[in-house]
Amino acid sequence: MKLEVTKAQLEAIKSLTDDCAGMIGGGCEEADRIWSKHIRLIDRMLRKNGHERYFNSQGCNKRNEYEG
């Protein structure tokens, strides 16, 4: 599948994913499980295309519980 994304759209995806990752553990385990799955999928897509999220690139995310 080919997907065209602008730089601004890619930056928004990264930023939104970082924000969601930061909210994991805030209360609802079911929501955390779903968000964790989506974050793993986005991280995988970014890595496959030579990108990573800001949180990951700053060394803040060595091995989070949602990457299990």
Protein backbone atom coordinates (compact mmCIF):
# COMPACT_ATOMS: atom_id res chain seq x y z
CA MET A 1 0.00 0.00 0.00
CA LYS A 2 1.30 3.44 -0.86
CA LEU A 3 0.26 6.41 1.25
CA GLU A 4 1.17 10.01 0.56
CA VAL A 5 1.74 12.05 3.69
CA THR A 6 2.91 15.64 4.01
CA LYS A 7 5.64 16.58 6.48
CA ALA A 8 3.05 18.39 8.62
CA GLN A 9 0.81 15.30 8.67
CA LEU A 10 3.72 13.06 9.65
CA GLU A 11 4.69 15.45 12.45
CA ALA A 12 1.08 15.43 13.67
CA ILE A 13 1.02 11.61 13.72
CA LYS A 14 4.25 11.53 15.73
CA SER A 15 3.08 14.18 18.17
CA LEU A 16 -0.35 12.63 18.67
CA THR A 17 1.19 9.21 19.25
CA ASP A 18 3.58 10.67 21.83
CA ASP A 19 0.62 12.33 23.58
CA CYS A 20 -1.36 9.08 23.65
CA ALA A 21 1.64 7.13 24.91
CA GLY A 22 1.99 9.64 27.73
CA MET A 23 -1.58 8.97 28.85
CA ILE A 24 -1.17 5.22 29.18
CA GLY A 25 -1.51 4.16 32.78
CA GLY A 26 -3.92 6.93 33.63
CA GLY A 27 -6.75 4.70 34.76
CA CYS A 28 -8.70 2.65 32.25
CA GLU A 29 -6.92 -0.64 31.54
CA GLU A 30 -9.09 -1.43 28.51
CA ALA A 31 -8.29 1.93 26.90
CA ASP A 32 -4.60 1.45 27.74
CA ARG A 33 -4.61 -1.94 26.01
CA ILE A 34 -6.20 -0.51 22.86
CA TRP A 35 -3.94 2.56 22.79
CA SER A 36 -0.88 0.39 23.35
CA LYS A 37 -1.77 -1.75 20.34
CA HIS A 38 -2.27 1.31 18.13
CA ILE A 39 0.98 2.88 19.33
CA ARG A 40 2.91 -0.32 18.54
CA LEU A 41 1.40 -0.35 15.03
CA ILE A 42 2.29 3.31 14.43
CA ASP A 43 5.83 2.80 15.78
CA ARG A 44 6.27 -0.19 13.48
CA MET A 45 5.06 1.83 10.48
CA LEU A 46 7.37 4.72 11.32
CA ARG A 47 10.43 2.45 11.79
CA LYS A 48 9.72 0.63 8.53
CA ASN A 49 9.82 3.99 6.75
CA GLY A 50 12.92 5.34 8.48
CA HIS A 51 11.21 7.53 11.08
CA GLU A 52 10.58 7.43 14.80
CA ARG A 53 8.55 9.36 17.33
CA TYR A 54 10.10 12.23 19.29
CA PHE A 55 9.72 10.40 22.59
CA ASN A 56 11.61 7.43 21.16
CA SER A 57 14.32 9.54 19.54
CA GLN A 58 15.11 11.36 22.79
CA GLY A 59 15.95 8.12 24.58
CA CYS A 60 12.95 8.50 26.87
CA ASN A 61 11.30 5.33 25.68
CA LYS A 62 13.88 2.59 26.08
CA ARG A 63 11.35 -0.15 26.82
CA ASN A 64 7.85 0.89 27.80
CA GLU A 65 5.24 -1.46 29.13
CA TYR A 66 3.16 -1.03 25.96
CA GLU A 67 5.95 -2.36 23.73
CA GLY A 68 5.81 -5.81 25.36
